[in-house]
Amino acid sequence: MYAPRRALVLVDIQQQYFDGLLEIQYPPHEQSLPRITAAIDAATAAGIPIVVVQHTAGEGAPVFAPGTPEYELHPEVESRRAGTWKSVVKHYGSVYADTDLTQWLRDQNVDTVTLVGYMTNNCILGSAVEAEGLGFTTEVLSDATGAINIANDAGFADARTVHTTLLALLNSNWASVGTAEAWTAALTAGQALPGSDLGTSAVTGTARANQP
């Protein structure tokens, strides 16, 4: 049986997402943060590589400005930080864009990247999609990520709809999606996290849509 060579990537678990305009709404960060820390603890116990990512919008920016309290990692993550963690600062949505993460993962012989953090509707989505072309398998932990309400000229979607819809989308093609508990069990067993595929998702979706 294939045993994934994993790395856990902590995406933008910064104070910016715990208050104010960009505060994570679904699942509430009070629920997702403990799942994130549980994943960190499981990864540490299993001895797999951990990557911590912080987003920067540049000095003086209204959000994600280095040197501001909002830029800092949440204390629950910072308190677990170890010298062995790989640190990445990014300017784009994807954790791979214009960073050295791709080569570092290959140097560690990683083939499967587990994403936790924020936001589902931006950096988790962008990272999972880009990973396909880079040759990495992606896992996304559904209860260790989160989304915000969004509205613009194209429409409106509340955070729950955003989160659940994007996770269904990712699970249909770009990632295996599961809970932190399911992932920890798979990690302990040395197994892949189960996912779906586009064909199966299409058949099931058609059947659901045609239900009376």
C-alpha atoms as a PDB file:
ATOM      1  CA  MET A   1       0.000   0.000   0.000  1.00  0.00           C
ATOM      2  CA  TYR A   2       1.268   3.469  -0.938  1.00  0.00           C
ATOM      3  CA  ALA A   3       2.546   5.486   2.045  1.00  0.00           C
ATOM      4  CA  PRO A   4       2.457   9.253   1.449  1.00  0.00           C
ATOM      5  CA  ARG A   5       5.570  11.282   2.180  1.00  0.00           C
ATOM      6  CA  ARG A   6       3.839  14.217   3.807  1.00  0.00           C
ATOM      7  CA  ALA A   7       4.533  17.754   4.921  1.00  0.00           C
ATOM      8  CA  LEU A   8       2.089  19.808   6.959  1.00  0.00           C
ATOM      9  CA  VAL A   9       1.802  23.371   5.639  1.00  0.00           C
ATOM     10  CA  LEU A  10       0.365  25.987   8.012  1.00  0.00           C
ATOM     11  CA  VAL A  11      -1.121  28.663   5.791  1.00  0.00           C
ATOM     12  CA  ASP A  12      -1.379  32.221   7.127  1.00  0.00           C
ATOM     13  CA  ILE A  13      -2.540  31.449  10.656  1.00  0.00           C
ATOM     14  CA  GLN A  14      -1.997  35.104  11.449  1.00  0.00           C
ATOM     15  CA  GLN A  15      -3.792  37.409  13.833  1.00  0.00           C
ATOM     16  CA  GLN A  16      -5.277  39.257  10.849  1.00  0.00           C
ATOM     17  CA  TYR A  17      -7.828  36.447  10.552  1.00  0.00           C
ATOM     18  CA  PHE A  18      -8.995  36.471  14.162  1.00  0.00           C
ATOM     19  CA  ASP A  19     -10.576  39.917  14.341  1.00  0.00           C
ATOM     20  CA  GLY A  20     -11.800  42.698  12.102  1.00  0.00           C
ATOM     21  CA  LEU A  21     -12.717  42.732   8.423  1.00  0.00           C
ATOM     22  CA  LEU A  22     -11.043  39.430   7.533  1.00  0.00           C
ATOM     23  CA  GLU A  23     -12.124  37.486  10.630  1.00  0.00           C
ATOM     24  CA  ILE A  24     -12.799  33.869   9.719  1.00  0.00           C
ATOM     25  CA  GLN A  25     -16.517  33.132   9.902  1.00  0.00           C
ATOM     26  CA  TYR A  26     -17.008  29.459   8.995  1.00  0.00           C
ATOM     27  CA  PRO A  27     -16.088  27.260  10.625  1.00  0.00           C
ATOM     28  CA  PRO A  28     -15.593  29.824  13.401  1.00  0.00           C
ATOM     29  CA  HIS A  29     -11.914  30.185  14.247  1.00  0.00           C
ATOM     30  CA  GLU A  30     -12.740  29.128  17.802  1.00  0.00           C
ATOM     31  CA  GLN A  31     -13.458  25.713  16.256  1.00  0.00           C
ATOM     32  CA  SER A  32     -10.820  25.549  13.531  1.00  0.00           C
ATOM     33  CA  LEU A  33      -7.842  26.693  15.603  1.00  0.00           C
ATOM     34  CA  PRO A  34      -7.952  23.662  17.957  1.00  0.00           C
ATOM     35  CA  ARG A  35      -8.078  21.400  14.906  1.00  0.00           C
ATOM     36  CA  ILE A  36      -5.044  23.183  13.494  1.00  0.00           C
ATOM     37  CA  THR A  37      -3.074  22.752  16.695  1.00  0.00           C
ATOM     38  CA  ALA A  38      -4.135  19.094  16.867  1.00  0.00           C
ATOM     39  CA  ALA A  39      -2.726  18.608  13.360  1.00  0.00           C
ATOM     40  CA  ILE A  40       0.518  20.323  14.375  1.00  0.00           C
ATOM     41  CA  ASP A  41       0.830  18.082  17.414  1.00  0.00           C
ATOM     42  CA  ALA A  42       0.145  14.972  15.330  1.00  0.00           C
ATOM     43  CA  ALA A  43       2.687  16.007  12.695  1.00  0.00           C
ATOM     44  CA  THR A  44       5.282  16.700  15.392  1.00  0.00           C
ATOM     45  CA  ALA A  45       4.674  13.298  16.970  1.00  0.00           C
ATOM     46  CA  ALA A  46       4.954  11.597  13.572  1.00  0.00           C
ATOM     47  CA  GLY A  47       8.152  13.457  12.706  1.00  0.00           C
ATOM     48  CA  ILE A  48       6.933  14.837   9.382  1.00  0.00           C
ATOM     49  CA  PRO A  49       8.147  18.207   8.069  1.00  0.00           C
ATOM     50  CA  ILE A  50       6.168  21.300   9.052  1.00  0.00           C
ATOM     51  CA  VAL A  51       6.091  24.528   7.055  1.00  0.00           C
ATOM     52  CA  VAL A  52       4.798  27.802   8.507  1.00  0.00           C
ATOM     53  CA  VAL A  53       3.662  30.416   6.001  1.00  0.00           C
ATOM     54  CA  GLN A  54       2.954  34.101   6.584  1.00  0.00           C
ATOM     55  CA  HIS A  55       1.407  36.424   4.034  1.00  0.00           C
ATOM     56  CA  THR A  56       2.770  39.929   3.575  1.00  0.00           C
ATOM     57  CA  ALA A  57       1.203  42.833   1.729  1.00  0.00           C
ATOM     58  CA  GLY A  58       4.275  44.993   2.352  1.00  0.00           C
ATOM     59  CA  GLU A  59       5.307  47.632   4.821  1.00  0.00           C
ATOM     60  CA  GLY A  60       2.532  50.105   5.601  1.00  0.00           C
ATOM     61  CA  ALA A  61      -0.189  48.054   3.911  1.00  0.00           C
ATOM     62  CA  PRO A  62      -3.678  48.170   5.470  1.00  0.00           C
ATOM     63  CA  VAL A  63      -3.543  44.410   6.089  1.00  0.00           C
ATOM     64  CA  PHE A  64      -0.744  41.863   6.537  1.00  0.00           C
ATOM     65  CA  ALA A  65       1.850  44.566   7.147  1.00  0.00           C
ATOM     66  CA  PRO A  66       5.093  43.256   8.678  1.00  0.00           C
ATOM     67  CA  GLY A  67       5.755  44.725  12.098  1.00  0.00           C
ATOM     68  CA  THR A  68       2.079  44.969  13.033  1.00  0.00           C
ATOM     69  CA  PRO A  69       0.329  42.720  15.572  1.00  0.00           C
ATOM     70  CA  GLU A  70      -2.027  41.465  12.837  1.00  0.00           C
ATOM     71  CA  TYR A  71       0.910  40.073  10.841  1.00  0.00           C
ATOM     72  CA  GLU A  72       2.067  37.815  13.663  1.00  0.00           C
ATOM     73  CA  LEU A  73       1.214  34.145  13.965  1.00  0.00           C
ATOM     74  CA  HIS A  74      -1.509  33.192  16.415  1.00  0.00           C
ATOM     75  CA  PRO A  75       0.078  32.457  19.813  1.00  0.00           C
ATOM     76  CA  GLU A  76      -1.157  28.853  19.740  1.00  0.00           C
ATOM     77  CA  VAL A  77       0.924  28.315  16.602  1.00  0.00           C
ATOM     78  CA  GLU A  78       3.891  30.457  17.657  1.00  0.00           C
ATOM     79  CA  SER A  79       4.178  28.592  20.962  1.00  0.00           C
ATOM     80  CA  ARG A  80       4.582  25.307  19.071  1.00  0.00           C
ATOM     81  CA  ARG A  81       7.087  26.646  16.577  1.00  0.00           C
ATOM     82  CA  ALA A  82      10.321  24.678  16.410  1.00  0.00           C
ATOM     83  CA  GLY A  83      13.673  25.381  14.817  1.00  0.00           C
ATOM     84  CA  THR A  84      13.115  22.525  12.402  1.00  0.00           C
ATOM     85  CA  TRP A  85      10.089  24.203  10.820  1.00  0.00           C
ATOM     86  CA  LYS A  86      10.502  25.688   7.365  1.00  0.00           C
ATOM     87  CA  SER A  87       9.464  29.359   7.304  1.00  0.00           C
ATOM     88  CA  VAL A  88       7.976  30.926   4.171  1.00  0.00           C
ATOM     89  CA  VAL A  89       6.849  34.498   3.512  1.00  0.00           C
ATOM     90  CA  LYS A  90       4.578  34.871   0.501  1.00  0.00           C
ATOM     91  CA  HIS A  91       3.124  37.742  -1.513  1.00  0.00           C
ATOM     92  CA  TYR A  92       0.538  35.792  -3.524  1.00  0.00           C
ATOM     93  CA  GLY A  93      -2.346  33.482  -2.733  1.00  0.00           C
ATOM     94  CA  SER A  94      -0.516  30.244  -3.478  1.00  0.00           C
ATOM     95  CA  VAL A  95       2.175  29.104  -1.058  1.00  0.00           C
ATOM     96  CA  TYR A  96       4.249  28.075  -4.079  1.00  0.00           C
ATOM     97  CA  ALA A  97       4.140  31.341  -6.047  1.00  0.00           C
ATOM     98  CA  ASP A  98       7.480  33.179  -5.942  1.00  0.00           C
ATOM     99  CA  THR A  99       8.726  31.220  -2.911  1.00  0.00           C
ATOM    100  CA  ASP A 100      11.342  28.485  -2.474  1.00  0.00           C
ATOM    101  CA  LEU A 101       8.815  26.026  -1.067  1.00  0.00           C
ATOM    102  CA  THR A 102       8.574  23.792  -4.142  1.00  0.00           C
ATOM    103  CA  GLN A 103      12.292  23.013  -4.203  1.00  0.00           C
ATOM    104  CA  TRP A 104      12.425  22.617  -0.423  1.00  0.00           C
ATOM    105  CA  LEU A 105       9.622  20.053  -0.497  1.00  0.00           C
ATOM    106  CA  ARG A 106      11.356  18.132  -3.254  1.00  0.00           C
ATOM    107  CA  ASP A 107      14.593  18.194  -1.288  1.00  0.00           C
ATOM    108  CA  GLN A 108      12.676  16.616   1.616  1.00  0.00           C
ATOM    109  CA  ASN A 109      11.262  13.959  -0.749  1.00  0.00           C
ATOM    110  CA  VAL A 110       7.735  15.170   0.028  1.00  0.00           C
ATOM    111  CA  ASP A 111       5.034  14.123  -2.411  1.00  0.00           C
ATOM    112  CA  THR A 112       1.912  14.978  -0.373  1.00  0.00           C
ATOM    113  CA  VAL A 113       1.172  18.405   1.077  1.00  0.00           C
ATOM    114  CA  THR A 114      -1.423  18.808   3.828  1.00  0.00           C
ATOM    115  CA  LEU A 115      -2.924  22.298   3.997  1.00  0.00           C
ATOM    116  CA  VAL A 116      -4.432  23.862   7.113  1.00  0.00           C
ATOM    117  CA  GLY A 117      -5.151  27.522   7.829  1.00  0.00           C
ATOM    118  CA  TYR A 118      -6.780  30.411   6.057  1.00  0.00           C
ATOM    119  CA  MET A 119      -8.603  31.249   3.908  1.00  0.00           C
ATOM    120  CA  THR A 120     -10.391  28.442   2.115  1.00  0.00           C
ATOM    121  CA  ASN A 121     -11.569  30.941  -0.499  1.00  0.00           C
ATOM    122  CA  ASN A 122      -8.129  32.323  -1.252  1.00  0.00           C
ATOM    123  CA  CYS A 123      -4.821  30.773  -0.245  1.00  0.00           C
ATOM    124  CA  ILE A 124      -6.038  27.220   0.378  1.00  0.00           C
ATOM    125  CA  LEU A 125      -7.803  27.175  -2.986  1.00  0.00           C
ATOM    126  CA  GLY A 126      -4.886  28.779  -4.842  1.00  0.00           C
ATOM    127  CA  SER A 127      -2.309  26.471  -3.292  1.00  0.00           C
ATOM    128  CA  ALA A 128      -4.277  23.292  -3.967  1.00  0.00           C
ATOM    129  CA  VAL A 129      -4.841  24.191  -7.608  1.00  0.00           C
ATOM    130  CA  GLU A 130      -1.217  25.152  -8.291  1.00  0.00           C
ATOM    131  CA  ALA A 131       0.055  21.959  -6.651  1.00  0.00           C
ATOM    132  CA  GLU A 132      -1.460  19.849  -9.435  1.00  0.00           C
ATOM    133  CA  GLY A 133       0.931  21.272 -12.026  1.00  0.00           C
ATOM    134  CA  LEU A 134       3.868  20.924  -9.643  1.00  0.00           C
ATOM    135  CA  GLY A 135       3.209  17.232  -9.109  1.00  0.00           C
ATOM    136  CA  PHE A 136       2.238  17.336  -5.432  1.00  0.00           C
ATOM    137  CA  THR A 137      -0.736  15.487  -4.007  1.00  0.00           C
ATOM    138  CA  THR A 138      -2.785  17.798  -1.798  1.00  0.00           C
ATOM    139  CA  GLU A 139      -4.804  17.151   1.343  1.00  0.00           C
ATOM    140  CA  VAL A 140      -7.066  19.813   2.871  1.00  0.00           C
ATOM    141  CA  LEU A 141      -8.422  19.501   6.399  1.00  0.00           C
ATOM    142  CA  SER A 142     -12.023  20.647   6.341  1.00  0.00           C
ATOM    143  CA  ASP A 143     -12.293  21.587  10.015  1.00  0.00           C
ATOM    144  CA  ALA A 144      -8.810  23.151  10.200  1.00  0.00           C
ATOM    145  CA  THR A 145      -9.487  25.741   7.495  1.00  0.00           C
ATOM    146  CA  GLY A 146     -12.066  28.525   7.200  1.00  0.00           C
ATOM    147  CA  ALA A 147     -13.741  31.112   5.000  1.00  0.00           C
ATOM    148  CA  ILE A 148     -15.332  34.563   5.125  1.00  0.00           C
ATOM    149  CA  ASN A 149     -18.543  36.010   3.703  1.00  0.00           C
ATOM    150  CA  ILE A 150     -17.959  37.436   0.243  1.00  0.00           C
ATOM    151  CA  ALA A 151     -19.972  39.740  -2.019  1.00  0.00           C
ATOM    152  CA  ASN A 152     -19.119  41.642  -5.202  1.00  0.00           C
ATOM    153  CA  ASP A 153     -20.589  42.388  -8.629  1.00  0.00           C
ATOM    154  CA  ALA A 154     -20.671  38.678  -9.402  1.00  0.00           C
ATOM    155  CA  GLY A 155     -22.833  37.784  -6.409  1.00  0.00           C
ATOM    156  CA  PHE A 156     -22.949  36.960  -2.707  1.00  0.00           C
ATOM    157  CA  ALA A 157     -22.103  33.855  -0.733  1.00  0.00           C
ATOM    158  CA  ASP A 158     -22.064  33.435   3.025  1.00  0.00           C
ATOM    159  CA  ALA A 159     -19.005  31.851   4.617  1.00  0.00           C
ATOM    160  CA  ARG A 160     -20.606  28.460   5.139  1.00  0.00           C
ATOM    161  CA  THR A 161     -21.606  28.242   1.489  1.00  0.00           C
ATOM    162  CA  VAL A 162     -18.169  29.421   0.395  1.00  0.00           C
ATOM    163  CA  HIS A 163     -16.355  26.897   2.587  1.00  0.00           C
ATOM    164  CA  THR A 164     -18.480  23.840   1.874  1.00  0.00           C
ATOM    165  CA  THR A 165     -18.756  24.538  -1.851  1.00  0.00           C
ATOM    166  CA  LEU A 166     -15.034  25.050  -2.318  1.00  0.00           C
ATOM    167  CA  LEU A 167     -14.193  21.932  -0.330  1.00  0.00           C
ATOM    168  CA  ALA A 168     -16.568  19.902  -2.514  1.00  0.00           C
ATOM    169  CA  LEU A 169     -14.913  21.442  -5.566  1.00  0.00           C
ATOM    170  CA  LEU A 170     -11.416  20.652  -4.326  1.00  0.00           C
ATOM    171  CA  ASN A 171     -12.360  17.105  -3.333  1.00  0.00           C
ATOM    172  CA  SER A 172     -13.669  16.484  -6.851  1.00  0.00           C
ATOM    173  CA  ASN A 173     -10.277  16.986  -8.464  1.00  0.00           C
ATOM    174  CA  TRP A 174      -7.477  18.910  -6.763  1.00  0.00           C
ATOM    175  CA  ALA A 175      -7.308  17.553  -3.219  1.00  0.00           C
ATOM    176  CA  SER A 176      -8.396  14.902  -0.777  1.00  0.00           C
ATOM    177  CA  VAL A 177     -10.567  16.581   1.846  1.00  0.00           C
ATOM    178  CA  GLY A 178     -11.133  15.213   5.336  1.00  0.00           C
ATOM    179  CA  THR A 179     -11.289  16.173   8.995  1.00  0.00           C
ATOM    180  CA  ALA A 180      -8.265  16.629  11.210  1.00  0.00           C
ATOM    181  CA  GLU A 181      -9.238  13.466  13.060  1.00  0.00           C
ATOM    182  CA  ALA A 182      -9.451  11.424   9.855  1.00  0.00           C
ATOM    183  CA  TRP A 183      -6.128  12.838   8.690  1.00  0.00           C
ATOM    184  CA  THR A 184      -4.424  11.986  11.966  1.00  0.00           C
ATOM    185  CA  ALA A 185      -5.670   8.418  11.679  1.00  0.00           C
ATOM    186  CA  ALA A 186      -4.372   8.202   8.100  1.00  0.00           C
ATOM    187  CA  LEU A 187      -1.046   9.716   9.174  1.00  0.00           C
ATOM    188  CA  THR A 188      -0.665   7.199  11.987  1.00  0.00           C
ATOM    189  CA  ALA A 189      -1.525   4.329   9.657  1.00  0.00           C
ATOM    190  CA  GLY A 190       0.795   5.580   6.905  1.00  0.00           C
ATOM    191  CA  GLN A 191      -2.109   5.804   4.484  1.00  0.00           C
ATOM    192  CA  ALA A 192      -3.454   8.381   2.047  1.00  0.00           C
ATOM    193  CA  LEU A 193      -6.473  10.446   3.014  1.00  0.00           C
ATOM    194  CA  PRO A 194      -9.411   9.204   0.902  1.00  0.00           C
ATOM    195  CA  GLY A 195     -10.770  11.582  -1.719  1.00  0.00           C
ATOM    196  CA  SER A 196     -13.118  11.615  -4.670  1.00  0.00           C
ATOM    197  CA  ASP A 197     -12.675  12.367  -8.374  1.00  0.00           C
ATOM    198  CA  LEU A 198     -14.445  14.408 -11.011  1.00  0.00           C
ATOM    199  CA  GLY A 199     -16.334  11.510 -12.588  1.00  0.00           C
ATOM    200  CA  THR A 200     -17.666  10.151  -9.316  1.00  0.00           C
ATOM    201  CA  SER A 201     -18.542  13.640  -8.117  1.00  0.00           C
ATOM    202  CA  ALA A 202     -20.417  14.337 -11.363  1.00  0.00           C
ATOM    203  CA  VAL A 203     -22.435  11.116 -11.180  1.00  0.00           C
ATOM    204  CA  THR A 204     -23.282  11.648  -7.514  1.00  0.00           C
ATOM    205  CA  GLY A 205     -24.082  15.305  -8.123  1.00  0.00           C
ATOM    206  CA  THR A 206     -26.468  14.474 -10.957  1.00  0.00           C
ATOM    207  CA  ALA A 207     -28.211  11.892  -8.798  1.00  0.00           C
ATOM    208  CA  ARG A 208     -28.571  14.359  -5.934  1.00  0.00           C
ATOM    209  CA  ALA A 209     -29.914  17.074  -8.246  1.00  0.00           C
ATOM    210  CA  ASN A 210     -32.551  14.705  -9.628  1.00  0.00           C
ATOM    211  CA  GLN A 211     -33.842  13.601  -6.258  1.00  0.00           C
ATOM    212  CA  PRO A 212     -37.506  14.625  -5.724  1.00  0.00           C
END
